[in-house]
N, C-alpha and C. Protein backbone atom coordinates (compact mmCIF):
# COMPACT_ATOMS: atom_id res chain seq x y z
N UNK A 1 -86.52 148.15 -198.46
CA UNK A 1 -85.17 148.15 -197.93
C UNK A 1 -85.23 147.89 -196.43
N UNK A 2 -84.37 147.04 -195.95
CA UNK A 2 -84.36 146.65 -194.55
C UNK A 2 -83.52 147.64 -193.74
N UNK A 3 -84.18 148.41 -192.86
CA UNK A 3 -83.45 149.42 -192.09
C UNK A 3 -82.52 148.78 -191.07
N UNK A 4 -82.82 147.56 -190.63
CA UNK A 4 -81.94 146.89 -189.68
C UNK A 4 -80.57 146.67 -190.30
N UNK A 5 -80.51 146.24 -191.56
CA UNK A 5 -79.23 146.05 -192.23
C UNK A 5 -78.49 147.36 -192.43
N UNK A 6 -79.23 148.45 -192.69
CA UNK A 6 -78.59 149.75 -192.85
C UNK A 6 -77.87 150.15 -191.57
N UNK A 7 -78.50 149.93 -190.42
CA UNK A 7 -77.91 150.32 -189.14
C UNK A 7 -76.70 149.48 -188.80
N UNK A 8 -76.60 148.27 -189.33
CA UNK A 8 -75.45 147.44 -189.01
C UNK A 8 -74.20 147.90 -189.77
N UNK A 9 -74.34 148.84 -190.69
CA UNK A 9 -73.19 149.33 -191.45
C UNK A 9 -72.33 150.29 -190.65
N UNK A 10 -72.83 150.79 -189.55
CA UNK A 10 -72.09 151.73 -188.73
C UNK A 10 -72.46 151.55 -187.28
N UNK A 11 -71.65 152.09 -186.42
CA UNK A 11 -71.86 152.03 -184.98
C UNK A 11 -72.35 153.41 -184.53
N UNK A 12 -73.50 153.46 -183.90
CA UNK A 12 -74.06 154.74 -183.45
C UNK A 12 -73.10 155.49 -182.53
N UNK A 13 -72.35 154.77 -181.70
CA UNK A 13 -71.39 155.43 -180.82
C UNK A 13 -70.28 156.11 -181.62
N UNK A 14 -69.82 155.44 -182.69
CA UNK A 14 -68.80 156.05 -183.53
C UNK A 14 -69.33 157.29 -184.24
N UNK A 15 -70.58 157.22 -184.70
CA UNK A 15 -71.19 158.37 -185.37
C UNK A 15 -71.32 159.54 -184.39
N UNK A 16 -71.76 159.25 -183.17
CA UNK A 16 -71.90 160.30 -182.16
C UNK A 16 -70.55 160.92 -181.82
N UNK A 17 -69.52 160.07 -181.70
CA UNK A 17 -68.17 160.59 -181.40
C UNK A 17 -67.69 161.47 -182.55
N UNK A 18 -67.90 161.02 -183.76
CA UNK A 18 -67.47 161.80 -184.93
C UNK A 18 -68.16 163.17 -184.94
N UNK A 19 -69.45 163.20 -184.64
CA UNK A 19 -70.18 164.46 -184.62
C UNK A 19 -69.63 165.40 -183.54
N UNK A 20 -69.35 164.87 -182.34
CA UNK A 20 -68.79 165.68 -181.26
C UNK A 20 -67.41 166.22 -181.65
N UNK A 21 -66.60 165.36 -182.25
CA UNK A 21 -65.25 165.78 -182.64
C UNK A 21 -65.29 166.84 -183.73
N UNK A 22 -66.14 166.64 -184.72
CA UNK A 22 -66.24 167.62 -185.80
C UNK A 22 -66.72 168.97 -185.28
N UNK A 23 -67.65 168.93 -184.34
CA UNK A 23 -68.14 170.18 -183.75
C UNK A 23 -67.01 170.88 -183.00
N UNK A 24 -66.24 170.12 -182.23
CA UNK A 24 -65.13 170.72 -181.48
C UNK A 24 -64.05 171.25 -182.41
N UNK A 25 -63.82 170.57 -183.52
CA UNK A 25 -62.77 170.99 -184.45
C UNK A 25 -63.20 172.15 -185.33
N UNK A 26 -64.47 172.49 -185.32
CA UNK A 26 -64.98 173.48 -186.27
C UNK A 26 -64.54 174.91 -185.97
N UNK A 27 -64.00 175.17 -184.80
CA UNK A 27 -63.51 176.51 -184.47
C UNK A 27 -62.19 176.74 -185.20
N UNK A 28 -62.01 177.90 -185.84
CA UNK A 28 -60.79 178.14 -186.62
C UNK A 28 -59.49 177.98 -185.82
N UNK A 29 -59.45 178.44 -184.59
CA UNK A 29 -58.23 178.33 -183.80
C UNK A 29 -57.94 176.87 -183.44
N UNK A 30 -59.00 176.11 -183.12
CA UNK A 30 -58.80 174.70 -182.80
C UNK A 30 -58.33 173.93 -184.03
N UNK A 31 -58.86 174.26 -185.18
CA UNK A 31 -58.40 173.61 -186.41
C UNK A 31 -56.93 173.95 -186.66
N UNK A 32 -56.56 175.18 -186.41
CA UNK A 32 -55.16 175.60 -186.58
C UNK A 32 -54.25 174.83 -185.61
N UNK A 33 -54.70 174.66 -184.37
CA UNK A 33 -53.93 173.88 -183.38
C UNK A 33 -53.74 172.45 -183.88
N UNK A 34 -54.80 171.86 -184.38
CA UNK A 34 -54.72 170.48 -184.87
C UNK A 34 -53.80 170.37 -186.07
N UNK A 35 -53.83 171.37 -186.93
CA UNK A 35 -52.92 171.38 -188.08
C UNK A 35 -51.47 171.48 -187.62
N UNK A 36 -51.22 172.27 -186.59
CA UNK A 36 -49.87 172.40 -186.04
C UNK A 36 -49.42 171.08 -185.42
N UNK A 37 -50.31 170.43 -184.70
CA UNK A 37 -49.96 169.17 -184.03
C UNK A 37 -49.69 168.04 -185.02
N UNK A 38 -50.61 167.84 -185.96
CA UNK A 38 -50.46 166.71 -186.86
C UNK A 38 -50.24 165.44 -186.05
N UNK A 39 -49.21 164.67 -186.40
CA UNK A 39 -48.94 163.45 -185.64
C UNK A 39 -47.78 163.64 -184.66
N UNK A 40 -47.51 164.89 -184.28
CA UNK A 40 -46.43 165.21 -183.34
C UNK A 40 -46.96 165.41 -181.93
N UNK A 41 -46.05 165.37 -180.98
CA UNK A 41 -46.33 165.72 -179.60
C UNK A 41 -45.63 167.06 -179.35
N UNK A 42 -46.41 168.10 -179.06
CA UNK A 42 -45.87 169.46 -179.00
C UNK A 42 -46.25 170.12 -177.68
N UNK A 43 -45.31 170.87 -177.12
CA UNK A 43 -45.57 171.57 -175.85
C UNK A 43 -46.51 172.75 -176.08
N UNK A 44 -47.15 173.16 -175.01
CA UNK A 44 -48.07 174.28 -175.08
C UNK A 44 -47.34 175.52 -175.60
N UNK A 45 -46.14 175.77 -175.07
CA UNK A 45 -45.39 176.96 -175.49
C UNK A 45 -45.09 176.92 -177.00
N UNK A 46 -44.75 175.75 -177.51
CA UNK A 46 -44.47 175.64 -178.95
C UNK A 46 -45.75 175.86 -179.77
N UNK A 47 -46.87 175.39 -179.26
CA UNK A 47 -48.15 175.62 -179.94
C UNK A 47 -48.45 177.11 -179.97
N UNK A 48 -48.25 177.78 -178.82
CA UNK A 48 -48.48 179.22 -178.74
C UNK A 48 -47.63 179.95 -179.78
N UNK A 49 -46.36 179.59 -179.88
CA UNK A 49 -45.46 180.25 -180.83
C UNK A 49 -45.89 180.02 -182.27
N UNK A 50 -46.33 178.81 -182.58
CA UNK A 50 -46.70 178.49 -183.96
C UNK A 50 -48.07 179.03 -184.36
N UNK A 51 -48.99 179.09 -183.39
CA UNK A 51 -50.35 179.55 -183.69
C UNK A 51 -50.44 181.07 -183.60
N UNK A 52 -49.73 181.66 -182.64
CA UNK A 52 -49.67 183.11 -182.57
C UNK A 52 -50.78 183.77 -181.79
N UNK A 53 -51.11 183.23 -180.64
CA UNK A 53 -52.06 183.86 -179.74
C UNK A 53 -51.59 183.63 -178.31
N UNK A 54 -52.34 184.07 -177.33
CA UNK A 54 -51.90 183.97 -175.94
C UNK A 54 -51.96 182.53 -175.42
N UNK A 55 -51.13 182.28 -174.41
CA UNK A 55 -51.12 180.95 -173.81
C UNK A 55 -52.46 180.62 -173.16
N UNK A 56 -53.11 181.61 -172.53
CA UNK A 56 -54.40 181.33 -171.90
C UNK A 56 -55.45 180.97 -172.95
N UNK A 57 -55.42 181.64 -174.09
CA UNK A 57 -56.36 181.33 -175.16
C UNK A 57 -56.11 179.92 -175.70
N UNK A 58 -54.85 179.58 -175.95
CA UNK A 58 -54.50 178.24 -176.42
C UNK A 58 -54.93 177.20 -175.40
N UNK A 59 -54.66 177.45 -174.13
CA UNK A 59 -55.01 176.49 -173.08
C UNK A 59 -56.51 176.22 -173.02
N UNK A 60 -57.31 177.25 -173.21
CA UNK A 60 -58.77 177.06 -173.23
C UNK A 60 -59.18 176.14 -174.37
N UNK A 61 -58.60 176.34 -175.54
CA UNK A 61 -58.96 175.53 -176.70
C UNK A 61 -58.40 174.11 -176.58
N UNK A 62 -57.21 173.97 -176.01
CA UNK A 62 -56.66 172.64 -175.77
C UNK A 62 -57.54 171.86 -174.80
N UNK A 63 -58.06 172.55 -173.81
CA UNK A 63 -58.95 171.92 -172.83
C UNK A 63 -60.20 171.37 -173.51
N UNK A 64 -60.77 172.12 -174.41
CA UNK A 64 -61.97 171.67 -175.14
C UNK A 64 -61.63 170.44 -175.98
N UNK A 65 -60.50 170.47 -176.66
CA UNK A 65 -60.10 169.33 -177.48
C UNK A 65 -59.83 168.09 -176.64
N UNK A 66 -59.31 168.27 -175.43
CA UNK A 66 -59.10 167.14 -174.52
C UNK A 66 -60.43 166.59 -174.02
N UNK A 67 -61.35 167.49 -173.66
CA UNK A 67 -62.67 167.07 -173.17
C UNK A 67 -63.41 166.22 -174.19
N UNK A 68 -63.20 166.51 -175.47
CA UNK A 68 -63.86 165.77 -176.55
C UNK A 68 -63.06 164.54 -176.98
N UNK A 69 -62.01 164.23 -176.21
CA UNK A 69 -61.16 163.06 -176.47
C UNK A 69 -60.47 163.10 -177.82
N UNK A 70 -60.16 164.30 -178.29
CA UNK A 70 -59.41 164.45 -179.53
C UNK A 70 -57.92 164.46 -179.22
N UNK A 71 -57.55 165.05 -178.09
CA UNK A 71 -56.15 165.16 -177.70
C UNK A 71 -55.86 164.38 -176.43
N UNK A 72 -54.63 163.92 -176.36
CA UNK A 72 -54.09 163.40 -175.13
C UNK A 72 -52.99 164.34 -174.69
N UNK A 73 -52.51 164.16 -173.47
CA UNK A 73 -51.42 165.01 -173.00
C UNK A 73 -50.51 164.20 -172.09
N UNK A 74 -49.27 164.68 -172.00
CA UNK A 74 -48.32 164.08 -171.07
C UNK A 74 -47.47 165.20 -170.50
N UNK A 75 -47.09 165.03 -169.26
CA UNK A 75 -46.29 166.06 -168.60
C UNK A 75 -44.87 165.54 -168.45
N UNK A 76 -43.93 166.38 -168.87
CA UNK A 76 -42.51 166.08 -168.70
C UNK A 76 -41.88 167.28 -168.03
N UNK A 77 -41.37 167.06 -166.84
CA UNK A 77 -40.82 168.14 -166.01
C UNK A 77 -41.89 169.20 -165.83
N UNK A 78 -41.64 170.43 -166.27
CA UNK A 78 -42.65 171.49 -166.09
C UNK A 78 -43.37 171.82 -167.39
N UNK A 79 -43.28 170.95 -168.39
CA UNK A 79 -43.96 171.19 -169.67
C UNK A 79 -45.04 170.14 -169.91
N UNK A 80 -46.13 170.60 -170.51
CA UNK A 80 -47.20 169.69 -170.92
C UNK A 80 -47.16 169.59 -172.43
N UNK A 81 -47.17 168.36 -172.92
CA UNK A 81 -47.15 168.10 -174.36
C UNK A 81 -48.49 167.53 -174.77
N UNK A 82 -48.99 168.00 -175.89
CA UNK A 82 -50.27 167.54 -176.42
C UNK A 82 -50.05 166.76 -177.70
N UNK A 83 -50.92 165.80 -177.91
CA UNK A 83 -50.84 164.96 -179.10
C UNK A 83 -52.23 164.43 -179.42
N UNK A 84 -52.42 164.02 -180.65
CA UNK A 84 -53.68 163.41 -181.07
C UNK A 84 -53.55 161.93 -180.80
N UNK A 85 -54.42 161.39 -179.96
CA UNK A 85 -54.23 160.02 -179.51
C UNK A 85 -55.23 159.01 -180.09
N UNK A 86 -55.88 159.36 -181.16
CA UNK A 86 -56.84 158.45 -181.80
C UNK A 86 -56.46 158.33 -183.27
N UNK A 87 -56.16 157.13 -183.71
CA UNK A 87 -55.71 156.92 -185.09
C UNK A 87 -56.72 157.45 -186.11
N UNK A 88 -58.01 157.30 -185.82
CA UNK A 88 -59.03 157.81 -186.74
C UNK A 88 -58.98 159.33 -186.82
N UNK A 89 -58.75 159.98 -185.69
CA UNK A 89 -58.63 161.44 -185.68
C UNK A 89 -57.38 161.86 -186.46
N UNK A 90 -56.29 161.11 -186.32
CA UNK A 90 -55.09 161.42 -187.08
C UNK A 90 -55.35 161.36 -188.58
N UNK A 91 -56.10 160.36 -189.01
CA UNK A 91 -56.43 160.24 -190.43
C UNK A 91 -57.27 161.42 -190.89
N UNK A 92 -58.28 161.77 -190.09
CA UNK A 92 -59.15 162.89 -190.45
C UNK A 92 -58.36 164.20 -190.50
N UNK A 93 -57.53 164.42 -189.50
CA UNK A 93 -56.77 165.66 -189.43
C UNK A 93 -55.73 165.71 -190.55
N UNK A 94 -55.14 164.57 -190.89
CA UNK A 94 -54.20 164.54 -192.02
C UNK A 94 -54.92 164.99 -193.30
N UNK A 95 -56.13 164.49 -193.51
CA UNK A 95 -56.87 164.90 -194.70
C UNK A 95 -57.18 166.40 -194.65
N UNK A 96 -57.59 166.90 -193.48
CA UNK A 96 -57.89 168.33 -193.35
C UNK A 96 -56.63 169.16 -193.55
N UNK A 97 -55.49 168.69 -193.02
CA UNK A 97 -54.23 169.42 -193.21
C UNK A 97 -53.89 169.49 -194.69
N UNK A 98 -54.02 168.36 -195.38
CA UNK A 98 -53.70 168.33 -196.80
C UNK A 98 -54.59 169.28 -197.60
N UNK A 99 -55.84 169.37 -197.21
CA UNK A 99 -56.80 170.19 -197.96
C UNK A 99 -56.76 171.66 -197.52
N UNK A 100 -56.72 171.91 -196.21
CA UNK A 100 -56.91 173.27 -195.70
C UNK A 100 -55.70 173.93 -195.09
N UNK A 101 -54.72 173.16 -194.62
CA UNK A 101 -53.66 173.76 -193.82
C UNK A 101 -52.34 173.97 -194.57
N UNK A 102 -52.25 173.46 -195.77
CA UNK A 102 -51.00 173.66 -196.50
C UNK A 102 -51.07 174.97 -197.27
N UNK A 103 -49.92 175.61 -197.38
CA UNK A 103 -49.87 176.87 -198.13
C UNK A 103 -49.83 176.53 -199.61
N UNK A 104 -50.64 177.23 -200.37
CA UNK A 104 -50.73 176.95 -201.82
C UNK A 104 -49.88 177.93 -202.59
């Protein structure tokens, strides 16, 4: 089997990004935040209300998700809104929401 052809089936940078993202998403609170966000743009305060923990705790986890390029943010007046800005991440999170985040 030709290993060169095997490597052409994927991009090492994409694999590395996926691994970093999965590691960042593996924390229960971060997964809950991502389930709350879905494909919406939501303010920090709304995330706090829906997730049910302190704003400082949410902010720390949002920061990690931004550092790993899972989330984008925009500021409107005095509110910061977070959203998932990568279509591949949206697909992955949609699958995780369908499997893990819906009430049965």
